[in-house]
Amino acid sequence: MSMASASISTSCVSESGMSIYDLYFDLENKTGEIKYRFMDQEIYYKVHITSNKNNILSGVALFNRSNTGETKGTPFEFQYDQEEKLFSELNLNAICK
């Protein structure tokens, strides 16, 4: 995905295969959404992009809503390496398509 792209949309799976992240980033508005699936959970996070340098996108994700009953979620910082197609948050890495 080139730096000139206005948005990024991809799906990422953790190394364990237990966590799935569907990413959508609007690079022009520095916003987006992450749909996080783990076991029977399906949680949506609003994204605020704080940096997009050297093909590394950084930001913070805040709980938005859930399809599975959760009413809150812990905000988290993340990075998405556009060249390596690697999504990471805390100590978890996910390979993206």
PDB file of N, CA and C in Angstrom:
ATOM      1  N   MET A   1       0.856  -1.169   0.000  1.00  0.00           N
ATOM      2  CA  MET A   1       0.000   0.000   0.000  1.00  0.00           C
ATOM      3  C   MET A   1       0.903   1.233   0.000  1.00  0.00           C
ATOM      4  N   SER A   2       0.709   2.110  -0.935  1.00  0.00           N
ATOM      5  CA  SER A   2       1.577   3.265  -1.053  1.00  0.00           C
ATOM      6  C   SER A   2       1.139   4.384  -0.122  1.00  0.00           C
ATOM      7  N   MET A   3       2.047   5.308   0.110  1.00  0.00           N
ATOM      8  CA  MET A   3       1.748   6.441   0.986  1.00  0.00           C
ATOM      9  C   MET A   3       0.678   7.343   0.367  1.00  0.00           C
ATOM     10  N   ALA A   4       0.518   7.303  -0.957  1.00  0.00           N
ATOM     11  CA  ALA A   4      -0.436   8.171  -1.630  1.00  0.00           C
ATOM     12  C   ALA A   4      -1.878   7.693  -1.465  1.00  0.00           C
ATOM     13  N   SER A   5      -2.071   6.475  -0.993  1.00  0.00           N
ATOM     14  CA  SER A   5      -3.417   5.942  -0.819  1.00  0.00           C
ATOM     15  C   SER A   5      -4.171   6.741   0.237  1.00  0.00           C
ATOM     16  N   ALA A   6      -5.444   6.970  -0.022  1.00  0.00           N
ATOM     17  CA  ALA A   6      -6.257   7.733   0.909  1.00  0.00           C
ATOM     18  C   ALA A   6      -6.758   6.878   2.058  1.00  0.00           C
ATOM     19  N   SER A   7      -6.787   5.545   1.866  1.00  0.00           N
ATOM     20  CA  SER A   7      -7.258   4.670   2.934  1.00  0.00           C
ATOM     21  C   SER A   7      -6.573   3.311   2.856  1.00  0.00           C
ATOM     22  N   ILE A   8      -6.629   2.607   3.968  1.00  0.00           N
ATOM     23  CA  ILE A   8      -6.097   1.248   4.064  1.00  0.00           C
ATOM     24  C   ILE A   8      -7.204   0.380   4.638  1.00  0.00           C
ATOM     25  N   SER A   9      -7.427  -0.757   4.033  1.00  0.00           N
ATOM     26  CA  SER A   9      -8.404  -1.718   4.533  1.00  0.00           C
ATOM     27  C   SER A   9      -7.780  -3.102   4.413  1.00  0.00           C
ATOM     28  N   THR A  10      -7.651  -3.799   5.537  1.00  0.00           N
ATOM     29  CA  THR A  10      -7.008  -5.111   5.528  1.00  0.00           C
ATOM     30  C   THR A  10      -7.474  -5.928   6.722  1.00  0.00           C
ATOM     31  N   SER A  11      -7.216  -7.208   6.680  1.00  0.00           N
ATOM     32  CA  SER A  11      -7.551  -8.109   7.773  1.00  0.00           C
ATOM     33  C   SER A  11      -6.262  -8.743   8.273  1.00  0.00           C
ATOM     34  N   CYS A  12      -6.130  -8.868   9.601  1.00  0.00           N
ATOM     35  CA  CYS A  12      -4.898  -9.360  10.202  1.00  0.00           C
ATOM     36  C   CYS A  12      -5.229 -10.461  11.211  1.00  0.00           C
ATOM     37  N   VAL A  13      -4.369 -11.480  11.264  1.00  0.00           N
ATOM     38  CA  VAL A  13      -4.564 -12.595  12.183  1.00  0.00           C
ATOM     39  C   VAL A  13      -3.334 -12.702  13.071  1.00  0.00           C
ATOM     40  N   SER A  14      -3.569 -12.846  14.385  1.00  0.00           N
ATOM     41  CA  SER A  14      -2.468 -12.958  15.338  1.00  0.00           C
ATOM     42  C   SER A  14      -1.675 -14.235  15.103  1.00  0.00           C
ATOM     43  N   GLU A  15      -0.469 -14.265  15.657  1.00  0.00           N
ATOM     44  CA  GLU A  15       0.401 -15.419  15.491  1.00  0.00           C
ATOM     45  C   GLU A  15      -0.244 -16.694  16.030  1.00  0.00           C
ATOM     46  N   SER A  16      -1.057 -16.568  17.094  1.00  0.00           N
ATOM     47  CA  SER A  16      -1.741 -17.739  17.669  1.00  0.00           C
ATOM     48  C   SER A  16      -2.959 -18.152  16.843  1.00  0.00           C
ATOM     49  N   GLY A  17      -3.428 -17.240  15.978  1.00  0.00           N
ATOM     50  CA  GLY A  17      -4.631 -17.503  15.203  1.00  0.00           C
ATOM     51  C   GLY A  17      -5.914 -17.227  15.965  1.00  0.00           C
ATOM     52  N   MET A  18      -5.801 -16.775  17.218  1.00  0.00           N
ATOM     53  CA  MET A  18      -6.981 -16.569  18.071  1.00  0.00           C
ATOM     54  C   MET A  18      -7.606 -15.180  17.904  1.00  0.00           C
ATOM     55  N   SER A  19      -6.811 -14.187  17.527  1.00  0.00           N
ATOM     56  CA  SER A  19      -7.304 -12.818  17.388  1.00  0.00           C
ATOM     57  C   SER A  19      -7.311 -12.417  15.918  1.00  0.00           C
ATOM     58  N   ILE A  20      -8.414 -11.795  15.491  1.00  0.00           N
ATOM     59  CA  ILE A  20      -8.534 -11.287  14.123  1.00  0.00           C
ATOM     60  C   ILE A  20      -8.859  -9.799  14.213  1.00  0.00           C
ATOM     61  N   TYR A  21      -8.119  -9.010  13.457  1.00  0.00           N
ATOM     62  CA  TYR A  21      -8.318  -7.563  13.405  1.00  0.00           C
ATOM     63  C   TYR A  21      -8.692  -7.182  11.971  1.00  0.00           C
ATOM     64  N   ASP A  22      -9.848  -6.562  11.792  1.00  0.00           N
ATOM     65  CA  ASP A  22     -10.212  -5.982  10.505  1.00  0.00           C
ATOM     66  C   ASP A  22      -9.944  -4.492  10.627  1.00  0.00           C
ATOM     67  N   LEU A  23      -9.000  -4.004   9.839  1.00  0.00           N
ATOM     68  CA  LEU A  23      -8.543  -2.616   9.942  1.00  0.00           C
ATOM     69  C   LEU A  23      -9.113  -1.776   8.818  1.00  0.00           C
ATOM     70  N   TYR A  24      -9.528  -0.570   9.144  1.00  0.00           N
ATOM     71  CA  TYR A  24      -9.848   0.439   8.150  1.00  0.00           C
ATOM     72  C   TYR A  24      -9.271   1.758   8.640  1.00  0.00           C
ATOM     73  N   PHE A  25      -8.369   2.330   7.850  1.00  0.00           N
ATOM     74  CA  PHE A  25      -7.748   3.604   8.209  1.00  0.00           C
ATOM     75  C   PHE A  25      -8.011   4.615   7.103  1.00  0.00           C
ATOM     76  N   ASP A  26      -8.556   5.780   7.470  1.00  0.00           N
ATOM     77  CA  ASP A  26      -8.747   6.909   6.564  1.00  0.00           C
ATOM     78  C   ASP A  26      -7.555   7.837   6.789  1.00  0.00           C
ATOM     79  N   LEU A  27      -6.603   7.790   5.865  1.00  0.00           N
ATOM     80  CA  LEU A  27      -5.352   8.517   6.061  1.00  0.00           C
ATOM     81  C   LEU A  27      -5.521  10.028   5.948  1.00  0.00           C
ATOM     82  N   GLU A  28      -6.470  10.482   5.139  1.00  0.00           N
ATOM     83  CA  GLU A  28      -6.682  11.927   4.989  1.00  0.00           C
ATOM     84  C   GLU A  28      -7.250  12.540   6.264  1.00  0.00           C
ATOM     85  N   ASN A  29      -8.213  11.877   6.886  1.00  0.00           N
ATOM     86  CA  ASN A  29      -8.865  12.410   8.076  1.00  0.00           C
ATOM     87  C   ASN A  29      -8.253  11.915   9.385  1.00  0.00           C
ATOM     88  N   LYS A  30      -7.259  11.011   9.268  1.00  0.00           N
ATOM     89  CA  LYS A  30      -6.559  10.444  10.437  1.00  0.00           C
ATOM     90  C   LYS A  30      -7.526   9.766  11.404  1.00  0.00           C
ATOM     91  N   THR A  31      -8.484   9.040  10.826  1.00  0.00           N
ATOM     92  CA  THR A  31      -9.471   8.301  11.608  1.00  0.00           C
ATOM     93  C   THR A  31      -9.568   6.876  11.066  1.00  0.00           C
ATOM     94  N   GLY A  32     -10.459   6.109  11.644  1.00  0.00           N
ATOM     95  CA  GLY A  32     -10.681   4.760  11.141  1.00  0.00           C
ATOM     96  C   GLY A  32     -11.401   3.906  12.149  1.00  0.00           C
ATOM     97  N   GLU A  33     -11.367   2.594  11.886  1.00  0.00           N
ATOM     98  CA  GLU A  33     -12.046   1.640  12.751  1.00  0.00           C
ATOM     99  C   GLU A  33     -11.283   0.321  12.749  1.00  0.00           C
ATOM    100  N   ILE A  34     -11.282  -0.318  13.900  1.00  0.00           N
ATOM    101  CA  ILE A  34     -10.734  -1.667  14.026  1.00  0.00           C
ATOM    102  C   ILE A  34     -11.852  -2.553  14.560  1.00  0.00           C
ATOM    103  N   LYS A  35     -12.148  -3.628  13.824  1.00  0.00           N
ATOM    104  CA  LYS A  35     -13.064  -4.639  14.341  1.00  0.00           C
ATOM    105  C   LYS A  35     -12.195  -5.761  14.875  1.00  0.00           C
ATOM    106  N   TYR A  36     -12.345  -6.041  16.159  1.00  0.00           N
ATOM    107  CA  TYR A  36     -11.521  -7.041  16.842  1.00  0.00           C
ATOM    108  C   TYR A  36     -12.384  -8.251  17.174  1.00  0.00           C
ATOM    109  N   ARG A  37     -11.922  -9.419  16.730  1.00  0.00           N
ATOM    110  CA  ARG A  37     -12.643 -10.657  17.028  1.00  0.00           C
ATOM    111  C   ARG A  37     -11.717 -11.599  17.786  1.00  0.00           C
ATOM    112  N   PHE A  38     -12.207 -12.080  18.930  1.00  0.00           N
ATOM    113  CA  PHE A  38     -11.462 -13.019  19.760  1.00  0.00           C
ATOM    114  C   PHE A  38     -12.464 -13.972  20.399  1.00  0.00           C
ATOM    115  N   MET A  39     -12.329 -15.255  20.116  1.00  0.00           N
ATOM    116  CA  MET A  39     -13.277 -16.259  20.589  1.00  0.00           C
ATOM    117  C   MET A  39     -14.686 -15.816  20.188  1.00  0.00           C
ATOM    118  N   ASP A  40     -15.581 -15.573  21.145  1.00  0.00           N
ATOM    119  CA  ASP A  40     -16.943 -15.178  20.796  1.00  0.00           C
ATOM    120  C   ASP A  40     -17.168 -13.674  20.883  1.00  0.00           C
ATOM    121  N   GLN A  41     -16.101 -12.903  21.007  1.00  0.00           N
ATOM    122  CA  GLN A  41     -16.231 -11.447  21.098  1.00  0.00           C
ATOM    123  C   GLN A  41     -16.121 -10.810  19.717  1.00  0.00           C
ATOM    124  N   GLU A  42     -16.863  -9.734  19.519  1.00  0.00           N
ATOM    125  CA  GLU A  42     -16.741  -8.902  18.320  1.00  0.00           C
ATOM    126  C   GLU A  42     -16.902  -7.453  18.759  1.00  0.00           C
ATOM    127  N   ILE A  43     -15.773  -6.737  18.804  1.00  0.00           N
ATOM    128  CA  ILE A  43     -15.730  -5.386  19.366  1.00  0.00           C
ATOM    129  C   ILE A  43     -15.191  -4.411  18.316  1.00  0.00           C
ATOM    130  N   TYR A  44     -15.813  -3.245  18.250  1.00  0.00           N
ATOM    131  CA  TYR A  44     -15.401  -2.199  17.320  1.00  0.00           C
ATOM    132  C   TYR A  44     -14.727  -1.066  18.082  1.00  0.00           C
ATOM    133  N   TYR A  45     -13.601  -0.615  17.559  1.00  0.00           N
ATOM    134  CA  TYR A  45     -12.849   0.489  18.143  1.00  0.00           C
ATOM    135  C   TYR A  45     -12.753   1.623  17.124  1.00  0.00           C
ATOM    136  N   LYS A  46     -12.966   2.856  17.600  1.00  0.00           N
ATOM    137  CA  LYS A  46     -12.693   4.041  16.778  1.00  0.00           C
ATOM    138  C   LYS A  46     -11.194   4.296  16.829  1.00  0.00           C
ATOM    139  N   VAL A  47     -10.644   4.738  15.726  1.00  0.00           N
ATOM    140  CA  VAL A  47      -9.200   4.946  15.623  1.00  0.00           C
ATOM    141  C   VAL A  47      -8.885   6.416  15.411  1.00  0.00           C
ATOM    142  N   HIS A  48      -7.854   6.870  16.108  1.00  0.00           N
ATOM    143  CA  HIS A  48      -7.260   8.185  15.852  1.00  0.00           C
ATOM    144  C   HIS A  48      -5.805   7.938  15.473  1.00  0.00           C
ATOM    145  N   ILE A  49      -5.439   8.309  14.253  1.00  0.00           N
ATOM    146  CA  ILE A  49      -4.067   8.115  13.762  1.00  0.00           C
ATOM    147  C   ILE A  49      -3.211   9.275  14.260  1.00  0.00           C
ATOM    148  N   THR A  50      -2.131   8.953  14.966  1.00  0.00           N
ATOM    149  CA  THR A  50      -1.263   9.982  15.525  1.00  0.00           C
ATOM    150  C   THR A  50      -0.018  10.220  14.684  1.00  0.00           C
ATOM    151  N   SER A  51       0.368   9.226  13.862  1.00  0.00           N
ATOM    152  CA  SER A  51       1.592   9.362  13.071  1.00  0.00           C
ATOM    153  C   SER A  51       1.524   8.438  11.862  1.00  0.00           C
ATOM    154  N   ASN A  52       2.101   8.905  10.748  1.00  0.00           N
ATOM    155  CA  ASN A  52       2.214   8.073   9.543  1.00  0.00           C
ATOM    156  C   ASN A  52       3.541   8.425   8.886  1.00  0.00           C
ATOM    157  N   LYS A  53       4.620   7.802   9.398  1.00  0.00           N
ATOM    158  CA  LYS A  53       5.967   8.106   8.929  1.00  0.00           C
ATOM    159  C   LYS A  53       6.690   6.822   8.567  1.00  0.00           C
ATOM    160  N   ASN A  54       7.470   6.875   7.493  1.00  0.00           N
ATOM    161  CA  ASN A  54       8.289   5.747   7.064  1.00  0.00           C
ATOM    162  C   ASN A  54       7.473   4.462   6.936  1.00  0.00           C
ATOM    163  N   ASN A  55       6.258   4.593   6.394  1.00  0.00           N
ATOM    164  CA  ASN A  55       5.350   3.462   6.203  1.00  0.00           C
ATOM    165  C   ASN A  55       4.895   2.813   7.499  1.00  0.00           C
ATOM    166  N   ILE A  56       5.096   3.474   8.642  1.00  0.00           N
ATOM    167  CA  ILE A  56       4.608   2.984   9.935  1.00  0.00           C
ATOM    168  C   ILE A  56       3.477   3.909  10.383  1.00  0.00           C
ATOM    169  N   LEU A  57       2.303   3.323  10.508  1.00  0.00           N
ATOM    170  CA  LEU A  57       1.121   4.047  10.954  1.00  0.00           C
ATOM    171  C   LEU A  57       0.953   3.781  12.441  1.00  0.00           C
ATOM    172  N   SER A  58       0.818   4.837  13.237  1.00  0.00           N
ATOM    173  CA  SER A  58       0.634   4.691  14.684  1.00  0.00           C
ATOM    174  C   SER A  58      -0.640   5.400  15.091  1.00  0.00           C
ATOM    175  N   GLY A  59      -1.254   4.884  16.157  1.00  0.00           N
ATOM    176  CA  GLY A  59      -2.458   5.536  16.626  1.00  0.00           C
ATOM    177  C   GLY A  59      -2.973   4.924  17.905  1.00  0.00           C
ATOM    178  N   VAL A  60      -4.175   5.381  18.274  1.00  0.00           N
ATOM    179  CA  VAL A  60      -4.840   4.886  19.482  1.00  0.00           C
ATOM    180  C   VAL A  60      -6.246   4.442  19.087  1.00  0.00           C
ATOM    181  N   ALA A  61      -6.690   3.340  19.698  1.00  0.00           N
ATOM    182  CA  ALA A  61      -8.016   2.793  19.430  1.00  0.00           C
ATOM    183  C   ALA A  61      -8.853   2.880  20.703  1.00  0.00           C
ATOM    184  N   LEU A  62     -10.077   3.425  20.579  1.00  0.00           N
ATOM    185  CA  LEU A  62     -10.994   3.611  21.701  1.00  0.00           C
ATOM    186  C   LEU A  62     -12.265   2.805  21.459  1.00  0.00           C
ATOM    187  N   PHE A  63     -12.748   2.139  22.495  1.00  0.00           N
ATOM    188  CA  PHE A  63     -13.968   1.338  22.379  1.00  0.00           C
ATOM    189  C   PHE A  63     -15.093   2.157  21.782  1.00  0.00           C
ATOM    190  N   ASN A  64     -15.799   1.560  20.814  1.00  0.00           N
ATOM    191  CA  ASN A  64     -16.942   2.216  20.188  1.00  0.00           C
ATOM    192  C   ASN A  64     -18.228   1.450  20.462  1.00  0.00           C
ATOM    193  N   ARG A  65     -18.248   0.168  20.077  1.00  0.00           N
ATOM    194  CA  ARG A  65     -19.454  -0.642  20.272  1.00  0.00           C
ATOM    195  C   ARG A  65     -19.083  -2.118  20.173  1.00  0.00           C
ATOM    196  N   SER A  66     -20.067  -2.965  20.470  1.00  0.00           N
ATOM    197  CA  SER A  66     -19.845  -4.395  20.415  1.00  0.00           C
ATOM    198  C   SER A  66     -21.087  -5.085  19.877  1.00  0.00           C
ATOM    199  N   ASN A  67     -20.882  -6.156  19.128  1.00  0.00           N
ATOM    200  CA  ASN A  67     -21.998  -6.981  18.673  1.00  0.00           C
ATOM    201  C   ASN A  67     -22.255  -8.145  19.628  1.00  0.00           C
ATOM    202  N   THR A  68     -21.436  -8.251  20.682  1.00  0.00           N
ATOM    203  CA  THR A  68     -21.509  -9.428  21.546  1.00  0.00           C
ATOM    204  C   THR A  68     -21.714  -9.080  23.019  1.00  0.00           C
ATOM    205  N   GLY A  69     -22.186  -7.866  23.307  1.00  0.00           N
ATOM    206  CA  GLY A  69     -22.596  -7.539  24.660  1.00  0.00           C
ATOM    207  C   GLY A  69     -21.612  -6.741  25.501  1.00  0.00           C
ATOM    208  N   GLU A  70     -20.363  -6.613  25.079  1.00  0.00           N
ATOM    209  CA  GLU A  70     -19.410  -5.825  25.860  1.00  0.00           C
ATOM    210  C   GLU A  70     -19.848  -4.365  25.851  1.00  0.00           C
ATOM    211  N   THR A  71     -19.685  -3.706  26.992  1.00  0.00           N
ATOM    212  CA  THR A  71     -20.087  -2.302  27.104  1.00  0.00           C
ATOM    213  C   THR A  71     -18.895  -1.368  27.236  1.00  0.00           C
ATOM    214  N   LYS A  72     -17.702  -1.931  27.344  1.00  0.00           N
ATOM    215  CA  LYS A  72     -16.493  -1.109  27.410  1.00  0.00           C
ATOM    216  C   LYS A  72     -15.303  -1.957  26.985  1.00  0.00           C
ATOM    217  N   GLY A  73     -14.254  -1.265  26.643  1.00  0.00           N
ATOM    218  CA  GLY A  73     -13.009  -1.917  26.265  1.00  0.00           C
ATOM    219  C   GLY A  73     -11.857  -1.009  26.612  1.00  0.00           C
ATOM    220  N   THR A  74     -10.722  -1.589  26.842  1.00  0.00           N
ATOM    221  CA  THR A  74      -9.540  -0.815  27.198  1.00  0.00           C
ATOM    222  C   THR A  74      -8.946  -0.163  25.953  1.00  0.00           C
ATOM    223  N   PRO A  75      -8.739   1.165  25.975  1.00  0.00           N
ATOM    224  CA  PRO A  75      -8.068   1.808  24.841  1.00  0.00           C
ATOM    225  C   PRO A  75      -6.673   1.210  24.661  1.00  0.00           C
ATOM    226  N   PHE A  76      -6.202   1.166  23.426  1.00  0.00           N
ATOM    227  CA  PHE A  76      -4.858   0.650  23.194  1.00  0.00           C
ATOM    228  C   PHE A  76      -4.172   1.405  22.070  1.00  0.00           C
ATOM    229  N   GLU A  77      -2.848   1.457  22.167  1.00  0.00           N
ATOM    230  CA  GLU A  77      -2.032   2.037  21.106  1.00  0.00           C
ATOM    231  C   GLU A  77      -1.643   0.920  20.157  1.00  0.00           C
ATOM    232  N   PHE A  78      -1.487   1.272  18.894  1.00  0.00           N
ATOM    233  CA  PHE A  78      -1.147   0.263  17.887  1.00  0.00           C
ATOM    234  C   PHE A  78      -0.186   0.845  16.872  1.00  0.00           C
ATOM    235  N   GLN A  79       0.414  -0.070  16.109  1.00  0.00           N
ATOM    236  CA  GLN A  79       1.219   0.294  14.948  1.00  0.00           C
ATOM    237  C   GLN A  79       0.847  -0.632  13.803  1.00  0.00           C
ATOM    238  N   TYR A  80       0.866  -0.091  12.595  1.00  0.00           N
ATOM    239  CA  TYR A  80       0.657  -0.901  11.403  1.00  0.00           C
ATOM    240  C   TYR A  80       1.791  -0.588  10.444  1.00  0.00           C
ATOM    241  N   ASP A  81       2.606  -1.594  10.154  1.00  0.00           N
ATOM    242  CA  ASP A  81       3.720  -1.468   9.219  1.00  0.00           C
ATOM    243  C   ASP A  81       3.184  -1.782   7.825  1.00  0.00           C
ATOM    244  N   GLN A  82       3.076  -0.738   6.991  1.00  0.00           N
ATOM    245  CA  GLN A  82       2.474  -0.882   5.673  1.00  0.00           C
ATOM    246  C   GLN A  82       3.323  -1.726   4.726  1.00  0.00           C
ATOM    247  N   GLU A  83       4.628  -1.721   4.893  1.00  0.00           N
ATOM    248  CA  GLU A  83       5.495  -2.527   4.029  1.00  0.00           C
ATOM    249  C   GLU A  83       5.507  -3.989   4.438  1.00  0.00           C
ATOM    250  N   GLU A  84       5.656  -4.244   5.740  1.00  0.00           N
ATOM    251  CA  GLU A  84       5.736  -5.616   6.244  1.00  0.00           C
ATOM    252  C   GLU A  84       4.356  -6.241   6.432  1.00  0.00           C
ATOM    253  N   LYS A  85       3.298  -5.411   6.333  1.00  0.00           N
ATOM    254  CA  LYS A  85       1.925  -5.852   6.566  1.00  0.00           C
ATOM    255  C   LYS A  85       1.811  -6.538   7.932  1.00  0.00           C
ATOM    256  N   LEU A  86       2.233  -5.782   8.949  1.00  0.00           N
ATOM    257  CA  LEU A  86       2.244  -6.286  10.319  1.00  0.00           C
ATOM    258  C   LEU A  86       1.528  -5.295  11.230  1.00  0.00           C
ATOM    259  N   PHE A  87       0.527  -5.780  11.949  1.00  0.00           N
ATOM    260  CA  PHE A  87      -0.213  -4.981  12.920  1.00  0.00           C
ATOM    261  C   PHE A  87       0.247  -5.404  14.306  1.00  0.00           C
ATOM    262  N   SER A  88       0.504  -4.428  15.180  1.00  0.00           N
ATOM    263  CA  SER A  88       0.936  -4.780  16.531  1.00  0.00           C
ATOM    264  C   SER A  88       0.282  -3.863  17.554  1.00  0.00           C
ATOM    265  N   GLU A  89      -0.045  -4.467  18.699  1.00  0.00           N
ATOM    266  CA  GLU A  89      -0.551  -3.731  19.857  1.00  0.00           C
ATOM    267  C   GLU A  89      -0.071  -4.476  21.080  1.00  0.00           C
ATOM    268  N   LEU A  90       0.432  -3.710  22.060  1.00  0.00           N
ATOM    269  CA  LEU A  90       1.055  -4.289  23.246  1.00  0.00           C
ATOM    270  C   LEU A  90       2.086  -5.335  22.828  1.00  0.00           C
ATOM    271  N   ASN A  91       1.939  -6.578  23.272  1.00  0.00           N
ATOM    272  CA  ASN A  91       2.927  -7.599  22.936  1.00  0.00           C
ATOM    273  C   ASN A  91       2.390  -8.570  21.886  1.00  0.00           C
ATOM    274  N   LEU A  92       1.356  -8.163  21.148  1.00  0.00           N
ATOM    275  CA  LEU A  92       0.734  -9.026  20.164  1.00  0.00           C
ATOM    276  C   LEU A  92       1.039  -8.529  18.754  1.00  0.00           C
ATOM    277  N   ASN A  93       1.420  -9.463  17.881  1.00  0.00           N
ATOM    278  CA  ASN A  93       1.633  -9.154  16.470  1.00  0.00           C
ATOM    279  C   ASN A  93       0.649  -9.936  15.621  1.00  0.00           C
ATOM    280  N   ALA A  94       0.170  -9.303  14.557  1.00  0.00           N
ATOM    281  CA  ALA A  94      -0.762  -9.961  13.643  1.00  0.00           C
ATOM    282  C   ALA A  94      -0.301  -9.741  12.216  1.00  0.00           C
ATOM    283  N   ILE A  95      -0.327 -10.793  11.430  1.00  0.00           N
ATOM    284  CA  ILE A  95       0.064 -10.746  10.014  1.00  0.00           C
ATOM    285  C   ILE A  95      -1.168 -10.366   9.199  1.00  0.00           C
ATOM    286  N   CYS A  96      -0.979  -9.393   8.289  1.00  0.00           N
ATOM    287  CA  CYS A  96      -2.096  -8.879   7.500  1.00  0.00           C
ATOM    288  C   CYS A  96      -2.004  -9.349   6.052  1.00  0.00           C
ATOM    289  N   LYS A  97      -3.161  -9.414   5.425  1.00  0.00           N
ATOM    290  CA  LYS A  97      -3.245  -9.826   4.011  1.00  0.00           C
ATOM    291  C   LYS A  97      -2.856  -8.672   3.115  1.00  0.00           C
TER     292      LYS A  97
END
